[in-house]
């Protein structure tokens, strides 16, 4: 998951001269979230493909399989933590009194 992409929505929100900041910010955040989910899914697919190749007795380097599995696991854990923090922020905002 790319972390540097998270800077662009924040920079757009701090610019008061933009007319549709909230629309653009939510669109960028949604796109960034979907890209991150696709990357996690791709890592999971790569690891599954290597596992299936190993079980089918095709030539697979063991260290490549282990690296792919660890990459998939780490990216999924990171995505879950981002989801948890986003959910906590939403719940905190919904509890605020206006």
Protein backbone atom coordinates (compact mmCIF):
# COMPACT_ATOMS: atom_id res chain seq x y z
CA UNK A 1 0.00 0.00 0.00
CA UNK A 2 1.42 3.34 -1.03
CA UNK A 3 1.67 5.76 1.87
CA UNK A 4 2.81 8.78 -0.17
CA UNK A 5 -0.59 8.93 -1.90
CA UNK A 6 -2.17 9.92 1.42
CA UNK A 7 -0.70 13.42 1.22
CA UNK A 8 -2.76 14.67 -1.73
CA UNK A 9 -6.24 14.77 -0.08
CA UNK A 10 -4.82 16.57 2.95
CA UNK A 11 -3.12 19.18 0.76
CA UNK A 12 -6.38 19.78 -1.10
CA UNK A 13 -8.27 20.28 2.17
CA UNK A 14 -5.85 22.94 3.39
CA UNK A 15 -6.28 25.10 0.27
CA UNK A 16 -9.23 27.47 0.90
CA UNK A 17 -9.33 28.65 -2.74
CA UNK A 18 -10.69 25.34 -4.08
CA UNK A 19 -14.45 25.52 -4.70
CA UNK A 20 -15.35 21.83 -4.34
CA UNK A 21 -12.81 20.67 -1.80
CA UNK A 22 -15.05 18.17 -0.03
CA UNK A 23 -16.15 16.48 -3.26
CA UNK A 24 -12.61 16.27 -4.55
CA UNK A 25 -11.23 15.15 -1.18
CA UNK A 26 -13.74 12.34 -0.77
CA UNK A 27 -13.22 11.22 -4.37
CA UNK A 28 -9.45 11.09 -3.86
CA UNK A 29 -9.81 9.25 -0.56
CA UNK A 30 -12.19 6.72 -2.07
CA UNK A 31 -9.91 6.16 -5.04
CA UNK A 32 -6.88 5.82 -2.76
CA UNK A 33 -8.75 3.29 -0.61
CA UNK A 34 -9.82 1.24 -3.64
CA UNK A 35 -6.26 1.24 -4.99
CA UNK A 36 -4.96 0.00 -1.65
CA UNK A 37 -7.57 -2.77 -1.56
CA UNK A 38 -6.60 -3.81 -5.10
CA UNK A 39 -2.93 -3.95 -4.09
CA UNK A 40 -3.74 -6.15 -1.08
CA UNK A 41 -5.87 -8.39 -3.28
CA UNK A 42 -3.04 -8.64 -5.80
CA UNK A 43 -0.57 -9.65 -3.10
CA UNK A 44 -3.00 -12.30 -1.86
CA UNK A 45 -3.49 -13.60 -5.42
CA UNK A 46 0.27 -13.80 -6.03
CA UNK A 47 0.81 -15.77 -2.84
CA UNK A 48 -2.10 -18.11 -3.66
CA UNK A 49 -0.73 -18.71 -7.16
CA UNK A 50 2.70 -19.62 -5.80
CA UNK A 51 1.12 -21.94 -3.22
CA UNK A 52 -0.91 -23.68 -5.91
CA UNK A 53 2.18 -24.05 -8.08
CA UNK A 54 4.06 -25.65 -5.20
CA UNK A 55 1.20 -28.06 -4.48
CA UNK A 56 1.05 -28.98 -8.18
CA UNK A 57 4.75 -29.88 -8.01
CA UNK A 58 5.76 -27.08 -10.37
CA UNK A 59 9.18 -25.49 -9.85
CA UNK A 60 8.79 -22.78 -7.21
CA UNK A 61 11.53 -21.24 -5.12
CA UNK A 62 10.66 -21.68 -1.47
CA UNK A 63 11.98 -18.29 -0.47
CA UNK A 64 9.84 -16.60 -3.16
CA UNK A 65 6.78 -18.34 -1.76
CA UNK A 66 7.58 -17.34 1.81
CA UNK A 67 8.25 -13.73 0.81
CA UNK A 68 4.97 -13.55 -1.14
CA UNK A 69 3.05 -15.03 1.78
CA UNK A 70 4.61 -12.61 4.27
CA UNK A 71 3.99 -9.65 1.94
CA UNK A 72 0.34 -10.65 1.61
CA UNK A 73 -0.02 -11.10 5.37
CA UNK A 74 1.65 -7.79 6.19
CA UNK A 75 -0.37 -5.85 3.63
CA UNK A 76 -3.61 -7.37 4.94
CA UNK A 77 -2.70 -6.50 8.53
CA UNK A 78 -1.89 -2.93 7.50
CA UNK A 79 -5.19 -2.64 5.65
CA UNK A 80 -7.08 -3.91 8.70
CA UNK A 81 -5.36 -1.35 10.94
CA UNK A 82 -6.23 1.45 8.51
CA UNK A 83 -9.83 0.21 8.48
CA UNK A 84 -9.92 0.15 12.28
CA UNK A 85 -8.52 3.67 12.58
CA UNK A 86 -10.91 4.98 9.94
CA UNK A 87 -13.86 3.38 11.73
CA UNK A 88 -12.73 4.85 15.06
CA UNK A 89 -12.46 8.32 13.49
CA UNK A 90 -15.95 7.99 11.98
CA UNK A 91 -17.40 6.91 15.32
CA UNK A 92 -15.68 9.80 17.08
CA UNK A 93 -17.08 12.26 14.55
CA UNK A 94 -20.57 10.83 14.89
CA UNK A 95 -20.43 11.28 18.69
CA UNK A 96 -19.52 14.97 18.38
CA UNK A 97 -22.21 17.44 19.23
CA UNK A 98 -22.79 20.20 16.71
